[in-house]
Amino acid sequence: MDQVKNARRKVVGTKQTLKALEKGEALIVLVASDADEKISRPVIALAEAKGVELRFVDTMIELGKLCGIKVKAAAAAVLEI
């Protein structure tokens, strides 16, 4: 998970993660296990379809902290390590 903390470029949030996946910019996608399935399912499906590494984090709070924000996050993507 240090790759996420130390990433040069990353996006946080479902919409931004989906955009990065669609553009082919995402290297690693992180999804919170406790996120609502309606929100996380499209991100997981697109990451798998694009062959992008997918990692799961236990909680949305934990993912937010990993990304350096003070709010919850359902998904995030590392764009540049």
C-alpha atoms as a PDB file:
ATOM      1  CA  MET A   1       0.000   0.000   0.000  1.00  0.00           C
ATOM      2  CA  ASP A   2       3.045   2.267   0.121  1.00  0.00           C
ATOM      3  CA  GLN A   3       2.686   2.604  -3.658  1.00  0.00           C
ATOM      4  CA  VAL A   4      -0.582   4.415  -3.062  1.00  0.00           C
ATOM      5  CA  LYS A   5       0.733   6.738  -0.363  1.00  0.00           C
ATOM      6  CA  ASN A   6       3.846   7.592  -2.359  1.00  0.00           C
ATOM      7  CA  ALA A   7       2.245   7.725  -5.818  1.00  0.00           C
ATOM      8  CA  ARG A   8       3.142  10.802  -7.852  1.00  0.00           C
ATOM      9  CA  ARG A   9      -0.320  10.945  -9.393  1.00  0.00           C
ATOM     10  CA  LYS A  10      -3.555   9.401  -8.202  1.00  0.00           C
ATOM     11  CA  VAL A  11      -7.264  10.026  -8.397  1.00  0.00           C
ATOM     12  CA  VAL A  12      -9.800   9.498  -5.652  1.00  0.00           C
ATOM     13  CA  GLY A  13     -13.475   8.754  -6.077  1.00  0.00           C
ATOM     14  CA  THR A  14     -15.553   6.470  -8.225  1.00  0.00           C
ATOM     15  CA  LYS A  15     -16.129   8.900 -11.110  1.00  0.00           C
ATOM     16  CA  GLN A  16     -12.460   9.869 -11.353  1.00  0.00           C
ATOM     17  CA  THR A  17     -11.363   6.226 -11.126  1.00  0.00           C
ATOM     18  CA  LEU A  18     -13.754   5.204 -13.912  1.00  0.00           C
ATOM     19  CA  LYS A  19     -12.463   8.073 -16.096  1.00  0.00           C
ATOM     20  CA  ALA A  20      -8.857   7.014 -15.505  1.00  0.00           C
ATOM     21  CA  LEU A  21      -9.718   3.417 -16.401  1.00  0.00           C
ATOM     22  CA  GLU A  22     -11.528   4.460 -19.571  1.00  0.00           C
ATOM     23  CA  LYS A  23      -8.548   6.568 -20.661  1.00  0.00           C
ATOM     24  CA  GLY A  24      -6.118   3.732 -19.906  1.00  0.00           C
ATOM     25  CA  GLU A  25      -4.243   5.810 -17.306  1.00  0.00           C
ATOM     26  CA  ALA A  26      -4.833   3.651 -14.206  1.00  0.00           C
ATOM     27  CA  LEU A  27      -1.999   1.353 -13.118  1.00  0.00           C
ATOM     28  CA  ILE A  28      -3.565   0.121  -9.872  1.00  0.00           C
ATOM     29  CA  VAL A  29      -7.196   0.395  -8.761  1.00  0.00           C
ATOM     30  CA  LEU A  30      -8.220   0.260  -5.123  1.00  0.00           C
ATOM     31  CA  VAL A  31     -11.747  -0.452  -3.950  1.00  0.00           C
ATOM     32  CA  ALA A  32     -13.098  -0.334  -0.405  1.00  0.00           C
ATOM     33  CA  SER A  33     -14.675  -3.654   0.577  1.00  0.00           C
ATOM     34  CA  ASP A  34     -17.432  -1.919   2.539  1.00  0.00           C
ATOM     35  CA  ALA A  35     -18.479   0.348  -0.354  1.00  0.00           C
ATOM     36  CA  ASP A  36     -22.003  -0.025  -1.704  1.00  0.00           C
ATOM     37  CA  GLU A  37     -22.014  -2.689  -4.406  1.00  0.00           C
ATOM     38  CA  LYS A  38     -23.832  -0.351  -6.833  1.00  0.00           C
ATOM     39  CA  ILE A  39     -20.841   1.978  -6.609  1.00  0.00           C
ATOM     40  CA  SER A  40     -18.006  -0.545  -6.586  1.00  0.00           C
ATOM     41  CA  ARG A  41     -19.295  -3.062  -9.152  1.00  0.00           C
ATOM     42  CA  PRO A  42     -18.708  -0.856 -12.259  1.00  0.00           C
ATOM     43  CA  VAL A  43     -15.174  -0.004 -11.091  1.00  0.00           C
ATOM     44  CA  ILE A  44     -14.297  -3.647 -10.455  1.00  0.00           C
ATOM     45  CA  ALA A  45     -15.795  -4.777 -13.783  1.00  0.00           C
ATOM     46  CA  LEU A  46     -13.935  -2.137 -15.802  1.00  0.00           C
ATOM     47  CA  ALA A  47     -10.623  -2.778 -14.018  1.00  0.00           C
ATOM     48  CA  GLU A  48     -10.938  -6.503 -14.735  1.00  0.00           C
ATOM     49  CA  ALA A  49     -11.920  -5.856 -18.365  1.00  0.00           C
ATOM     50  CA  LYS A  50      -8.916  -3.570 -18.860  1.00  0.00           C
ATOM     51  CA  GLY A  51      -6.543  -5.961 -17.051  1.00  0.00           C
ATOM     52  CA  VAL A  52      -5.620  -3.383 -14.409  1.00  0.00           C
ATOM     53  CA  GLU A  53      -4.323  -4.593 -11.035  1.00  0.00           C
ATOM     54  CA  LEU A  54      -7.163  -4.526  -8.517  1.00  0.00           C
ATOM     55  CA  ARG A  55      -6.637  -4.298  -4.763  1.00  0.00           C
ATOM     56  CA  PHE A  56      -9.182  -4.245  -1.980  1.00  0.00           C
ATOM     57  CA  VAL A  57      -8.995  -2.155   1.181  1.00  0.00           C
ATOM     58  CA  ASP A  58     -11.091  -3.096   4.221  1.00  0.00           C
ATOM     59  CA  THR A  59     -12.962   0.164   4.718  1.00  0.00           C
ATOM     60  CA  MET A  60     -13.768   3.414   2.957  1.00  0.00           C
ATOM     61  CA  ILE A  61     -12.223   5.302   5.862  1.00  0.00           C
ATOM     62  CA  GLU A  62      -8.966   3.377   5.461  1.00  0.00           C
ATOM     63  CA  LEU A  63      -8.904   4.046   1.713  1.00  0.00           C
ATOM     64  CA  GLY A  64      -9.466   7.755   2.312  1.00  0.00           C
ATOM     65  CA  LYS A  65      -6.530   7.846   4.737  1.00  0.00           C
ATOM     66  CA  LEU A  66      -4.324   5.948   2.271  1.00  0.00           C
ATOM     67  CA  CYS A  67      -5.104   8.593  -0.321  1.00  0.00           C
ATOM     68  CA  GLY A  68      -4.334  11.424   2.070  1.00  0.00           C
ATOM     69  CA  ILE A  69      -7.871  12.760   2.425  1.00  0.00           C
ATOM     70  CA  LYS A  70      -9.969  13.192   5.554  1.00  0.00           C
ATOM     71  CA  VAL A  71     -13.167  11.715   4.118  1.00  0.00           C
ATOM     72  CA  LYS A  72     -14.242   8.253   3.025  1.00  0.00           C
ATOM     73  CA  ALA A  73     -13.435   6.964  -0.451  1.00  0.00           C
ATOM     74  CA  ALA A  74     -15.050   4.042  -2.280  1.00  0.00           C
ATOM     75  CA  ALA A  75     -12.448   3.837  -5.043  1.00  0.00           C
ATOM     76  CA  ALA A  76      -9.106   5.268  -6.094  1.00  0.00           C
ATOM     77  CA  ALA A  77      -6.540   4.744  -8.828  1.00  0.00           C
ATOM     78  CA  VAL A  78      -2.788   5.170  -9.017  1.00  0.00           C
ATOM     79  CA  LEU A  79      -1.836   6.859 -12.278  1.00  0.00           C
ATOM     80  CA  GLU A  80       1.903   7.266 -11.801  1.00  0.00           C
ATOM     81  CA  ILE A  81       4.195   5.581  -9.292  1.00  0.00           C
END
